[in-house]
N, C-alpha and C. Protein backbone atom coordinates (compact mmCIF):
# COMPACT_ATOMS: atom_id res chain seq x y z
N UNK A 1 -10.20 -9.60 44.94
CA UNK A 1 -10.96 -8.34 44.04
C UNK A 1 -9.88 -8.04 43.00
N UNK A 2 -8.57 -7.83 43.44
CA UNK A 2 -7.70 -7.23 42.51
C UNK A 2 -7.41 -8.32 41.16
N UNK A 3 -7.38 -9.34 41.40
CA UNK A 3 -7.36 -10.45 40.32
C UNK A 3 -8.57 -10.40 39.26
N UNK A 4 -9.63 -10.18 40.12
CA UNK A 4 -10.89 -9.92 39.15
C UNK A 4 -10.52 -8.99 38.31
N UNK A 5 -10.44 -7.69 38.48
CA UNK A 5 -10.05 -6.54 37.96
C UNK A 5 -8.87 -6.65 36.89
N UNK A 6 -8.03 -7.29 37.32
CA UNK A 6 -6.99 -7.63 36.37
C UNK A 6 -7.52 -8.31 35.17
N UNK A 7 -8.13 -9.50 35.47
CA UNK A 7 -8.52 -10.74 34.46
C UNK A 7 -9.74 -9.93 33.61
N UNK A 8 -10.82 -8.95 34.22
CA UNK A 8 -11.72 -8.50 33.36
C UNK A 8 -10.81 -7.28 32.26
N UNK A 9 -9.63 -6.64 33.03
CA UNK A 9 -9.08 -5.80 31.94
C UNK A 9 -8.37 -6.35 30.73
N UNK A 10 -7.88 -7.82 30.95
CA UNK A 10 -6.95 -8.53 29.92
C UNK A 10 -8.27 -8.95 28.97
N UNK A 11 -9.40 -9.40 29.57
CA UNK A 11 -10.63 -9.95 28.67
C UNK A 11 -10.85 -8.58 27.74
N UNK A 12 -10.96 -7.49 28.31
CA UNK A 12 -11.40 -6.28 27.40
C UNK A 12 -10.36 -5.94 26.34
N UNK A 13 -9.38 -6.24 26.78
CA UNK A 13 -8.09 -5.93 25.97
C UNK A 13 -8.05 -6.98 24.71
N UNK A 14 -8.34 -8.27 24.93
CA UNK A 14 -8.28 -9.25 24.37
C UNK A 14 -9.65 -9.18 23.01
N UNK A 15 -10.52 -8.70 23.60
CA UNK A 15 -11.85 -8.57 23.01
C UNK A 15 -11.73 -7.38 22.04
N UNK A 16 -11.16 -6.35 22.43
CA UNK A 16 -10.66 -5.23 21.37
C UNK A 16 -9.85 -5.56 20.07
N UNK A 17 -8.85 -6.42 20.82
CA UNK A 17 -7.89 -6.88 19.21
C UNK A 17 -8.90 -7.86 18.47
N UNK A 18 -9.71 -8.73 19.12
CA UNK A 18 -10.30 -9.73 18.11
C UNK A 18 -11.41 -9.03 17.24
N UNK A 19 -11.68 -7.63 17.32
CA UNK A 19 -12.61 -7.04 16.59
C UNK A 19 -11.81 -6.81 14.97
N UNK A 20 -10.59 -6.75 15.13
CA UNK A 20 -9.90 -6.17 14.09
C UNK A 20 -9.80 -7.61 13.17
N UNK A 21 -10.20 -8.41 13.55
CA UNK A 21 -9.93 -9.75 12.70
C UNK A 21 -10.93 -10.10 11.46
N UNK A 22 -12.07 -9.09 11.76
CA UNK A 22 -13.00 -9.16 10.35
C UNK A 22 -13.29 -7.79 10.00
N UNK A 23 -12.26 -7.20 9.66
CA UNK A 23 -12.29 -5.57 8.78
C UNK A 23 -12.93 -5.87 7.43
N UNK A 24 -13.99 -4.88 7.34
CA UNK A 24 -14.44 -4.95 5.98
C UNK A 24 -14.28 -3.68 5.40
N UNK A 25 -14.06 -3.55 4.02
CA UNK A 25 -13.72 -2.53 3.06
C UNK A 25 -14.10 -2.89 1.85
N UNK A 26 -14.18 -1.85 1.13
CA UNK A 26 -14.47 -2.00 -0.14
C UNK A 26 -13.69 -1.03 -1.40
N UNK A 27 -13.12 -1.30 -2.29
CA UNK A 27 -12.15 -0.57 -2.96
C UNK A 27 -12.50 -0.68 -4.34
N UNK A 28 -12.49 0.28 -5.29
CA UNK A 28 -12.73 0.24 -6.81
C UNK A 28 -11.31 -0.23 -7.26
N UNK A 29 -11.38 -1.12 -8.47
CA UNK A 29 -10.38 -1.80 -9.11
C UNK A 29 -10.84 -2.06 -10.37
N UNK A 30 -10.05 -1.29 -11.37
CA UNK A 30 -10.12 -1.29 -12.87
C UNK A 30 -9.74 -2.65 -13.43
N UNK A 31 -11.18 -3.08 -14.51
CA UNK A 31 -10.90 -4.37 -15.14
C UNK A 31 -12.09 -4.64 -15.98
N UNK A 32 -12.15 -5.58 -16.90
CA UNK A 32 -13.32 -5.56 -17.63
C UNK A 32 -14.08 -6.89 -17.98
N UNK A 33 -13.41 -8.02 -17.34
CA UNK A 33 -14.04 -9.05 -17.81
C UNK A 33 -14.09 -10.24 -16.33
N UNK A 34 -14.37 -11.50 -16.65
CA UNK A 34 -14.17 -12.54 -15.82
C UNK A 34 -12.63 -12.81 -15.51
N UNK A 35 -11.99 -12.87 -16.75
CA UNK A 35 -10.53 -13.01 -16.23
C UNK A 35 -9.82 -12.01 -15.65
N UNK A 36 -10.42 -10.88 -15.03
CA UNK A 36 -9.70 -9.69 -14.55
C UNK A 36 -10.29 -9.97 -13.14
N UNK A 37 -11.49 -10.54 -12.96
CA UNK A 37 -12.15 -10.79 -11.82
C UNK A 37 -11.36 -11.86 -11.23
N UNK A 38 -11.04 -12.96 -11.99
CA UNK A 38 -10.18 -14.01 -11.20
C UNK A 38 -8.82 -13.33 -10.75
N UNK A 39 -8.22 -12.69 -11.73
CA UNK A 39 -6.97 -12.38 -11.36
C UNK A 39 -7.04 -11.15 -9.92
N UNK A 40 -7.94 -10.39 -10.11
CA UNK A 40 -7.94 -9.40 -8.98
C UNK A 40 -8.29 -10.22 -7.42
N UNK A 41 -9.26 -11.36 -7.70
CA UNK A 41 -9.53 -11.74 -6.23
C UNK A 41 -8.57 -12.63 -5.96
N UNK A 42 -7.64 -13.39 -6.76
CA UNK A 42 -6.58 -14.08 -6.42
C UNK A 42 -5.48 -13.20 -6.04
N UNK A 43 -5.34 -12.20 -6.53
CA UNK A 43 -4.10 -11.28 -6.02
C UNK A 43 -4.61 -10.96 -4.54
N UNK A 44 -5.81 -10.43 -4.36
CA UNK A 44 -6.19 -10.17 -3.11
C UNK A 44 -6.32 -11.16 -2.01
N UNK A 45 -6.75 -12.50 -2.31
CA UNK A 45 -6.89 -13.73 -1.58
C UNK A 45 -5.19 -13.96 -1.13
N UNK A 46 -4.36 -13.63 -1.77
CA UNK A 46 -2.95 -14.19 -1.75
C UNK A 46 -2.18 -13.39 -0.83
N UNK A 47 -2.90 -12.06 -0.69
CA UNK A 47 -2.16 -11.21 0.61
C UNK A 47 -2.60 -11.62 1.80
N UNK A 48 -1.52 -11.92 2.72
CA UNK A 48 -1.66 -12.56 4.10
C UNK A 48 -2.77 -11.64 4.83
N UNK A 49 -3.59 -12.34 5.59
CA UNK A 49 -4.69 -11.63 6.23
C UNK A 49 -5.92 -11.40 5.69
N UNK A 50 -5.98 -11.43 4.28
CA UNK A 50 -7.29 -11.41 3.48
C UNK A 50 -7.99 -13.03 3.62
N UNK A 51 -9.36 -12.63 4.17
CA UNK A 51 -10.13 -13.97 4.28
C UNK A 51 -11.35 -13.75 2.95
N UNK A 52 -11.79 -12.81 2.29
CA UNK A 52 -12.71 -12.97 1.39
C UNK A 52 -12.41 -11.59 0.49
N UNK A 53 -12.61 -11.93 -0.83
CA UNK A 53 -12.37 -10.83 -1.64
C UNK A 53 -13.33 -11.16 -2.92
N UNK A 54 -14.04 -10.33 -3.05
CA UNK A 54 -15.11 -10.33 -4.32
C UNK A 54 -15.22 -9.24 -5.11
N UNK A 55 -14.81 -9.29 -6.34
CA UNK A 55 -15.03 -7.88 -7.50
C UNK A 55 -16.21 -8.19 -8.09
N UNK A 56 -16.83 -7.06 -8.38
CA UNK A 56 -17.92 -7.14 -9.08
C UNK A 56 -17.30 -6.38 -10.87
N UNK A 57 -17.69 -7.28 -11.60
CA UNK A 57 -17.35 -6.80 -13.10
C UNK A 57 -18.02 -5.42 -13.37
N UNK A 58 -19.41 -5.48 -13.19
CA UNK A 58 -20.54 -4.29 -13.19
C UNK A 58 -19.82 -3.09 -12.65
N UNK A 59 -19.72 -3.13 -11.30
CA UNK A 59 -19.53 -1.90 -10.44
C UNK A 59 -17.97 -1.84 -10.33
N UNK A 60 -17.09 -2.53 -10.71
CA UNK A 60 -15.67 -2.70 -10.39
C UNK A 60 -15.31 -2.17 -8.81
N UNK A 61 -16.23 -2.71 -7.89
CA UNK A 61 -16.36 -2.72 -6.63
C UNK A 61 -15.48 -3.94 -5.75
N UNK A 62 -14.40 -3.94 -5.27
CA UNK A 62 -13.88 -5.15 -4.61
C UNK A 62 -14.22 -5.30 -3.11
N UNK A 63 -15.07 -6.17 -2.62
CA UNK A 63 -15.59 -6.19 -1.16
C UNK A 63 -14.69 -7.08 -0.61
N UNK A 64 -14.05 -6.69 0.60
CA UNK A 64 -13.09 -7.17 1.27
C UNK A 64 -13.45 -7.69 2.84
N UNK A 65 -12.99 -8.61 3.31
CA UNK A 65 -13.06 -8.87 4.52
C UNK A 65 -11.36 -9.41 4.87
N UNK A 66 -11.07 -8.92 5.96
CA UNK A 66 -9.55 -9.22 6.14
C UNK A 66 -9.22 -8.90 7.71
N UNK A 67 -7.74 -9.42 8.18
CA UNK A 67 -7.74 -9.36 9.40
C UNK A 67 -6.83 -8.15 9.53
N UNK A 68 -7.17 -6.94 9.99
CA UNK A 68 -6.52 -5.47 10.10
C UNK A 68 -5.23 -5.74 10.89
N UNK A 69 -5.22 -6.84 11.82
CA UNK A 69 -4.00 -6.75 12.56
C UNK A 69 -2.52 -7.51 11.52
N UNK A 70 -3.10 -8.04 10.43
CA UNK A 70 -2.06 -8.78 9.33
C UNK A 70 -2.03 -7.78 8.12
N UNK A 71 -2.81 -6.93 7.85
CA UNK A 71 -2.91 -6.16 6.64
C UNK A 71 -3.65 -5.11 6.35
N UNK A 72 -3.75 -4.33 5.44
CA UNK A 72 -4.61 -3.09 5.29
C UNK A 72 -5.05 -2.95 4.14
N UNK A 73 -5.69 -1.82 3.78
CA UNK A 73 -6.34 -1.63 2.25
C UNK A 73 -4.95 -1.47 1.45
N UNK A 74 -4.16 -0.65 2.03
CA UNK A 74 -3.07 -0.04 1.14
C UNK A 74 -2.19 -1.40 0.75
N UNK A 75 -2.07 -2.15 1.56
CA UNK A 75 -1.31 -3.58 1.05
C UNK A 75 -2.16 -4.20 0.15
N UNK A 76 -3.23 -4.40 0.13
CA UNK A 76 -4.22 -5.16 -0.68
C UNK A 76 -3.99 -4.48 -1.88
N UNK A 77 -4.20 -3.15 -2.25
CA UNK A 77 -4.14 -2.43 -3.32
C UNK A 77 -2.93 -2.73 -3.97
N UNK A 78 -1.78 -2.68 -3.21
CA UNK A 78 -0.32 -3.01 -4.05
C UNK A 78 -0.48 -4.37 -4.44
N UNK A 79 -1.01 -5.32 -3.76
CA UNK A 79 -0.99 -6.82 -4.38
C UNK A 79 -1.72 -6.88 -5.44
N UNK A 80 -2.64 -6.20 -5.56
CA UNK A 80 -3.47 -5.89 -6.83
C UNK A 80 -2.94 -5.33 -7.99
N UNK A 81 -2.19 -4.19 -7.70
CA UNK A 81 -1.53 -3.19 -8.61
C UNK A 81 -0.40 -4.08 -9.03
N UNK A 82 0.30 -4.88 -8.58
CA UNK A 82 1.35 -5.78 -8.97
C UNK A 82 0.97 -7.05 -9.89
N UNK A 83 -0.22 -7.12 -10.10
CA UNK A 83 -0.72 -8.17 -11.06
C UNK A 83 -1.45 -7.41 -12.16
N UNK A 84 -1.25 -6.15 -12.18
CA UNK A 84 -1.82 -5.37 -13.28
C UNK A 84 -3.02 -4.54 -13.42
N UNK A 85 -3.67 -4.52 -12.20
CA UNK A 85 -4.91 -3.69 -12.09
C UNK A 85 -4.48 -2.48 -11.05
N UNK A 86 -5.41 -1.26 -11.79
CA UNK A 86 -5.06 -0.01 -11.30
C UNK A 86 -6.32 0.14 -9.91
N UNK A 87 -6.00 0.37 -8.58
CA UNK A 87 -7.07 0.59 -7.60
C UNK A 87 -7.12 2.26 -7.34
N UNK A 88 -7.92 2.49 -6.51
CA UNK A 88 -7.96 3.98 -6.10
C UNK A 88 -6.86 4.58 -5.44
N UNK A 89 -5.92 3.88 -4.93
CA UNK A 89 -4.95 4.37 -3.92
C UNK A 89 -3.53 3.85 -4.68
N UNK A 90 -3.64 2.68 -5.68
CA UNK A 90 -2.32 2.45 -6.58
C UNK A 90 -2.53 2.05 -7.91
N UNK A 91 -1.86 2.90 -8.63
CA UNK A 91 -1.94 2.35 -10.12
C UNK A 91 -0.72 1.30 -10.54
N UNK A 92 -1.15 0.32 -11.12
CA UNK A 92 -0.33 -0.70 -11.60
C UNK A 92 0.83 -0.27 -12.34
N UNK A 93 2.00 -0.50 -12.60
CA UNK A 93 3.03 -0.10 -13.35
C UNK A 93 2.80 -0.38 -14.74
N UNK A 94 3.53 0.10 -15.78
CA UNK A 94 3.25 -0.09 -17.09
C UNK A 94 3.42 -1.43 -17.27
N UNK A 95 4.64 -2.01 -16.67
CA UNK A 95 5.16 -3.50 -16.80
C UNK A 95 4.11 -4.39 -16.51
N UNK A 96 3.42 -4.13 -15.18
CA UNK A 96 2.43 -4.94 -14.66
C UNK A 96 1.11 -5.18 -15.44
N UNK A 97 1.01 -3.94 -15.88
CA UNK A 97 -0.23 -3.47 -16.78
C UNK A 97 -0.17 -4.30 -18.20
N UNK A 98 0.99 -4.26 -18.91
CA UNK A 98 1.29 -4.77 -20.27
C UNK A 98 1.12 -6.42 -19.97
N UNK A 99 1.58 -7.10 -18.86
CA UNK A 99 1.72 -8.29 -18.61
C UNK A 99 0.27 -8.97 -18.55
N UNK A 100 -0.95 -8.32 -18.66
CA UNK A 100 -2.13 -9.03 -18.54
C UNK A 100 -2.81 -9.05 -19.91
N UNK A 101 -3.31 -10.20 -20.13
CA UNK A 101 -3.99 -10.62 -21.37
C UNK A 101 -4.51 -9.25 -22.19
N UNK A 102 -4.49 -9.13 -23.48
CA UNK A 102 -4.89 -8.26 -24.58
C UNK A 102 -6.39 -7.67 -24.04
N UNK A 103 -7.05 -8.86 -23.82
CA UNK A 103 -8.64 -8.60 -23.90
C UNK A 103 -8.96 -7.98 -22.38
N UNK A 104 -7.94 -7.95 -21.38
CA UNK A 104 -7.91 -7.64 -20.39
C UNK A 104 -7.61 -6.01 -20.03
N UNK A 105 -6.99 -5.52 -20.99
CA UNK A 105 -6.33 -4.34 -21.00
C UNK A 105 -7.23 -2.96 -21.02
N UNK A 106 -7.90 -2.57 -19.67
CA UNK A 106 -9.08 -1.98 -19.46
C UNK A 106 -8.69 -0.49 -19.46
N UNK A 107 -7.50 0.11 -19.83
CA UNK A 107 -7.17 1.03 -20.15
C UNK A 107 -7.65 1.48 -21.54
N UNK A 108 -7.70 0.58 -22.38
CA UNK A 108 -8.07 0.66 -23.85
C UNK A 108 -9.29 0.86 -24.02
N UNK A 109 -9.69 1.97 -24.75
CA UNK A 109 -11.36 2.49 -24.99
C UNK A 109 -11.88 1.22 -25.94
N UNK A 110 -11.08 0.73 -27.10
CA UNK A 110 -11.62 -0.39 -27.62
C UNK A 110 -11.91 -1.69 -26.81
N UNK A 111 -11.09 -2.16 -26.03
CA UNK A 111 -11.09 -3.09 -24.87
C UNK A 111 -12.54 -3.02 -24.15
N UNK A 112 -12.48 -1.49 -23.55
CA UNK A 112 -13.83 -1.44 -23.00
C UNK A 112 -15.16 -1.83 -23.73
N UNK A 113 -15.03 -1.31 -24.75
CA UNK A 113 -16.10 -1.29 -25.72
C UNK A 113 -16.69 -2.93 -26.02
N UNK A 114 -15.45 -3.52 -26.20
CA UNK A 114 -15.54 -4.92 -26.55
C UNK A 114 -16.33 -5.65 -25.37
N UNK A 115 -16.39 -4.95 -24.08
CA UNK A 115 -16.70 -6.04 -22.92
C UNK A 115 -17.99 -5.17 -22.37
N UNK A 116 -18.66 -4.24 -23.04
CA UNK A 116 -19.55 -3.73 -22.64
C UNK A 116 -21.10 -4.52 -22.35
N UNK A 117 -21.05 -5.50 -22.96
CA UNK A 117 -22.34 -6.62 -22.84
C UNK A 117 -21.96 -7.33 -21.62
N UNK A 118 -20.77 -7.84 -21.59
CA UNK A 118 -20.61 -8.58 -20.49
C UNK A 118 -20.57 -8.01 -19.26
N UNK A 119 -20.55 -6.64 -19.02
CA UNK A 119 -20.58 -5.65 -17.60
C UNK A 119 -22.04 -5.75 -17.34
N UNK A 120 -22.95 -5.86 -18.57
CA UNK A 120 -24.34 -5.48 -18.03
C UNK A 120 -25.20 -6.99 -17.63
N UNK A 121 -24.28 -8.09 -17.72
CA UNK A 121 -24.75 -9.65 -17.71
C UNK A 121 -24.54 -9.61 -16.24
């Protein structure tokens, strides 16, 4: 009986850890176009533990599925900021922001205006 209880306890512990392997989160990430989308998603996916990253040009929402035992939303945000895109939690450095293509510089009102039609499609 003791072995059964021990096995049951270990199984329950194992199940509780397994639930963290498909954590879901959504964060806001600044960007304006398809090139931004590719850069944001690539930066997120390159973060160890991220399984899925899909960014919407229209809503600026990045939908994530990740292994919470390997990463967290803050680490993912830092990876995205490192390639020049601001998130809710982490602002990209000026150097990282300046490294992105001129048509992707989302902090510039003229660039935003140029991409208004693209975000509606």
